[in-house]
Amino acid sequence: MSHVHGTGARGADVPATQADSDGVAEAPLTDVELRTLLLRARASDDALLRRLVTGYLTLRRVTSDVIALIEAREGGAAVAGAPLLRRARALADAPRR
């Protein structure tokens, strides 16, 4: 799976659902999927996968907090008007969908 961030061929306006290298649409991981991966990592004693999932969850929480701070300081329009911040919001809100 490949995700494009920032500028480049697809630019900063990357939709919340992306296509992987095979062109298959892919949504952010849900909490259920992450819990399943974490259980699998623990069951197989896969420390690397456990660290990856834990790091992803931490990053998603921090991203959500940063977006909320920007919205509180600058208003919701600041996030809505910036493609990168909209993408960050979509990823951070993934578990609520």
C-alpha atoms as a PDB file:
ATOM      1  CA  MET A   1       0.000   0.000   0.000  1.00  0.00           C
ATOM      2  CA  SER A   2       1.346   3.422  -0.833  1.00  0.00           C
ATOM      3  CA  HIS A   3       0.165   6.714   0.539  1.00  0.00           C
ATOM      4  CA  VAL A   4       1.121  10.033  -0.974  1.00  0.00           C
ATOM      5  CA  HIS A   5       1.588  12.952   1.380  1.00  0.00           C
ATOM      6  CA  GLY A   6       2.346  16.563   0.599  1.00  0.00           C
ATOM      7  CA  THR A   7       2.844  17.633  -2.968  1.00  0.00           C
ATOM      8  CA  GLY A   8       3.677  15.505  -5.930  1.00  0.00           C
ATOM      9  CA  ALA A   9       1.760  13.731  -8.638  1.00  0.00           C
ATOM     10  CA  ARG A  10      -1.465  13.831  -6.619  1.00  0.00           C
ATOM     11  CA  GLY A  11      -0.721  17.067  -4.771  1.00  0.00           C
ATOM     12  CA  ALA A  12      -1.747  17.937  -1.242  1.00  0.00           C
ATOM     13  CA  ASP A  13      -5.449  17.453  -1.967  1.00  0.00           C
ATOM     14  CA  VAL A  14      -5.475  13.684  -1.408  1.00  0.00           C
ATOM     15  CA  PRO A  15      -8.967  12.331  -0.658  1.00  0.00           C
ATOM     16  CA  ALA A  16      -9.731  10.467   2.579  1.00  0.00           C
ATOM     17  CA  THR A  17     -10.021   7.233   0.617  1.00  0.00           C
ATOM     18  CA  GLN A  18      -6.930   6.559  -1.446  1.00  0.00           C
ATOM     19  CA  ALA A  19      -5.993   3.997  -4.042  1.00  0.00           C
ATOM     20  CA  ASP A  20      -3.124   1.661  -3.260  1.00  0.00           C
ATOM     21  CA  SER A  21      -0.509   0.671  -5.833  1.00  0.00           C
ATOM     22  CA  ASP A  22      -3.028  -1.713  -7.439  1.00  0.00           C
ATOM     23  CA  GLY A  23      -5.650   1.039  -7.738  1.00  0.00           C
ATOM     24  CA  VAL A  24      -7.915  -0.468  -5.047  1.00  0.00           C
ATOM     25  CA  ALA A  25      -9.690   2.131  -2.891  1.00  0.00           C
ATOM     26  CA  GLU A  26      -8.566   2.014   0.708  1.00  0.00           C
ATOM     27  CA  ALA A  27     -10.091   3.703   3.772  1.00  0.00           C
ATOM     28  CA  PRO A  28      -8.271   4.481   7.034  1.00  0.00           C
ATOM     29  CA  LEU A  29      -8.037   1.607   9.511  1.00  0.00           C
ATOM     30  CA  THR A  30     -10.906   1.382  11.980  1.00  0.00           C
ATOM     31  CA  ASP A  31     -10.509   0.831  15.711  1.00  0.00           C
ATOM     32  CA  VAL A  32     -11.772  -2.748  15.285  1.00  0.00           C
ATOM     33  CA  GLU A  33      -9.118  -3.456  12.637  1.00  0.00           C
ATOM     34  CA  LEU A  34      -6.416  -1.934  14.827  1.00  0.00           C
ATOM     35  CA  ARG A  35      -7.508  -3.941  17.879  1.00  0.00           C
ATOM     36  CA  THR A  36      -7.470  -7.096  15.744  1.00  0.00           C
ATOM     37  CA  LEU A  37      -3.932  -6.317  14.546  1.00  0.00           C
ATOM     38  CA  LEU A  38      -2.817  -5.617  18.094  1.00  0.00           C
ATOM     39  CA  LEU A  39      -4.269  -8.923  19.315  1.00  0.00           C
ATOM     40  CA  ARG A  40      -2.553 -10.723  16.430  1.00  0.00           C
ATOM     41  CA  ALA A  41       0.744  -9.019  17.279  1.00  0.00           C
ATOM     42  CA  ARG A  42       0.468 -10.016  20.930  1.00  0.00           C
ATOM     43  CA  ALA A  43      -0.532 -13.588  20.108  1.00  0.00           C
ATOM     44  CA  SER A  44       2.408 -14.049  17.763  1.00  0.00           C
ATOM     45  CA  ASP A  45       4.790 -12.064  19.973  1.00  0.00           C
ATOM     46  CA  ASP A  46       5.387  -9.647  17.081  1.00  0.00           C
ATOM     47  CA  ALA A  47       6.958  -6.671  18.842  1.00  0.00           C
ATOM     48  CA  LEU A  48       7.402  -4.717  15.613  1.00  0.00           C
ATOM     49  CA  LEU A  49       3.713  -4.949  14.652  1.00  0.00           C
ATOM     50  CA  ARG A  50       2.717  -4.109  18.232  1.00  0.00           C
ATOM     51  CA  ARG A  51       4.916  -0.973  18.121  1.00  0.00           C
ATOM     52  CA  LEU A  52       3.560  -0.018  14.696  1.00  0.00           C
ATOM     53  CA  VAL A  53      -0.093  -0.251  15.770  1.00  0.00           C
ATOM     54  CA  THR A  54       0.567   1.540  19.061  1.00  0.00           C
ATOM     55  CA  GLY A  55       2.464   4.289  17.246  1.00  0.00           C
ATOM     56  CA  TYR A  56      -0.331   4.663  14.678  1.00  0.00           C
ATOM     57  CA  LEU A  57      -2.954   5.001  17.424  1.00  0.00           C
ATOM     58  CA  THR A  58      -0.843   7.591  19.228  1.00  0.00           C
ATOM     59  CA  LEU A  59      -0.283   9.559  16.032  1.00  0.00           C
ATOM     60  CA  ARG A  60      -4.002   9.489  15.225  1.00  0.00           C
ATOM     61  CA  ARG A  61      -4.880  10.797  18.716  1.00  0.00           C
ATOM     62  CA  VAL A  62      -2.265  13.546  18.544  1.00  0.00           C
ATOM     63  CA  THR A  63      -3.415  14.514  15.041  1.00  0.00           C
ATOM     64  CA  SER A  64      -6.987  14.785  16.283  1.00  0.00           C
ATOM     65  CA  ASP A  65      -5.864  17.009  19.163  1.00  0.00           C
ATOM     66  CA  VAL A  66      -3.828  19.252  16.851  1.00  0.00           C
ATOM     67  CA  ILE A  67      -6.736  19.635  14.415  1.00  0.00           C
ATOM     68  CA  ALA A  68      -9.060  20.489  17.314  1.00  0.00           C
ATOM     69  CA  LEU A  69      -6.562  23.101  18.527  1.00  0.00           C
ATOM     70  CA  ILE A  70      -6.346  24.660  15.057  1.00  0.00           C
ATOM     71  CA  GLU A  71     -10.144  24.728  14.836  1.00  0.00           C
ATOM     72  CA  ALA A  72     -10.402  26.366  18.255  1.00  0.00           C
ATOM     73  CA  ARG A  73      -7.774  29.005  17.463  1.00  0.00           C
ATOM     74  CA  GLU A  74      -8.431  29.672  13.777  1.00  0.00           C
ATOM     75  CA  GLY A  75     -11.984  28.402  13.273  1.00  0.00           C
ATOM     76  CA  GLY A  76     -13.333  25.454  11.345  1.00  0.00           C
ATOM     77  CA  ALA A  77     -12.852  27.245   8.036  1.00  0.00           C
ATOM     78  CA  ALA A  78      -9.078  27.101   8.525  1.00  0.00           C
ATOM     79  CA  VAL A  79      -9.223  23.297   8.521  1.00  0.00           C
ATOM     80  CA  ALA A  80     -11.891  23.063   5.813  1.00  0.00           C
ATOM     81  CA  GLY A  81      -9.886  25.346   3.534  1.00  0.00           C
ATOM     82  CA  ALA A  82      -6.618  23.411   3.772  1.00  0.00           C
ATOM     83  CA  PRO A  83      -6.508  20.080   1.890  1.00  0.00           C
ATOM     84  CA  LEU A  84      -3.759  18.657   4.110  1.00  0.00           C
ATOM     85  CA  LEU A  85      -5.699  19.508   7.286  1.00  0.00           C
ATOM     86  CA  ARG A  86      -8.893  18.014   5.804  1.00  0.00           C
ATOM     87  CA  ARG A  87      -6.957  14.802   5.111  1.00  0.00           C
ATOM     88  CA  ALA A  88      -5.561  14.811   8.651  1.00  0.00           C
ATOM     89  CA  ARG A  89      -9.104  15.272  10.023  1.00  0.00           C
ATOM     90  CA  ALA A  90     -10.398  12.364   7.907  1.00  0.00           C
ATOM     91  CA  LEU A  91      -7.629  10.065   9.180  1.00  0.00           C
ATOM     92  CA  ALA A  92      -8.038  11.176  12.792  1.00  0.00           C
ATOM     93  CA  ASP A  93     -11.822  10.701  12.661  1.00  0.00           C
ATOM     94  CA  ALA A  94     -11.643   7.264  11.027  1.00  0.00           C
ATOM     95  CA  PRO A  95     -12.642   5.329  14.178  1.00  0.00           C
ATOM     96  CA  ARG A  96     -15.882   7.318  14.472  1.00  0.00           C
ATOM     97  CA  ARG A  97     -17.159   6.235  11.066  1.00  0.00           C
END
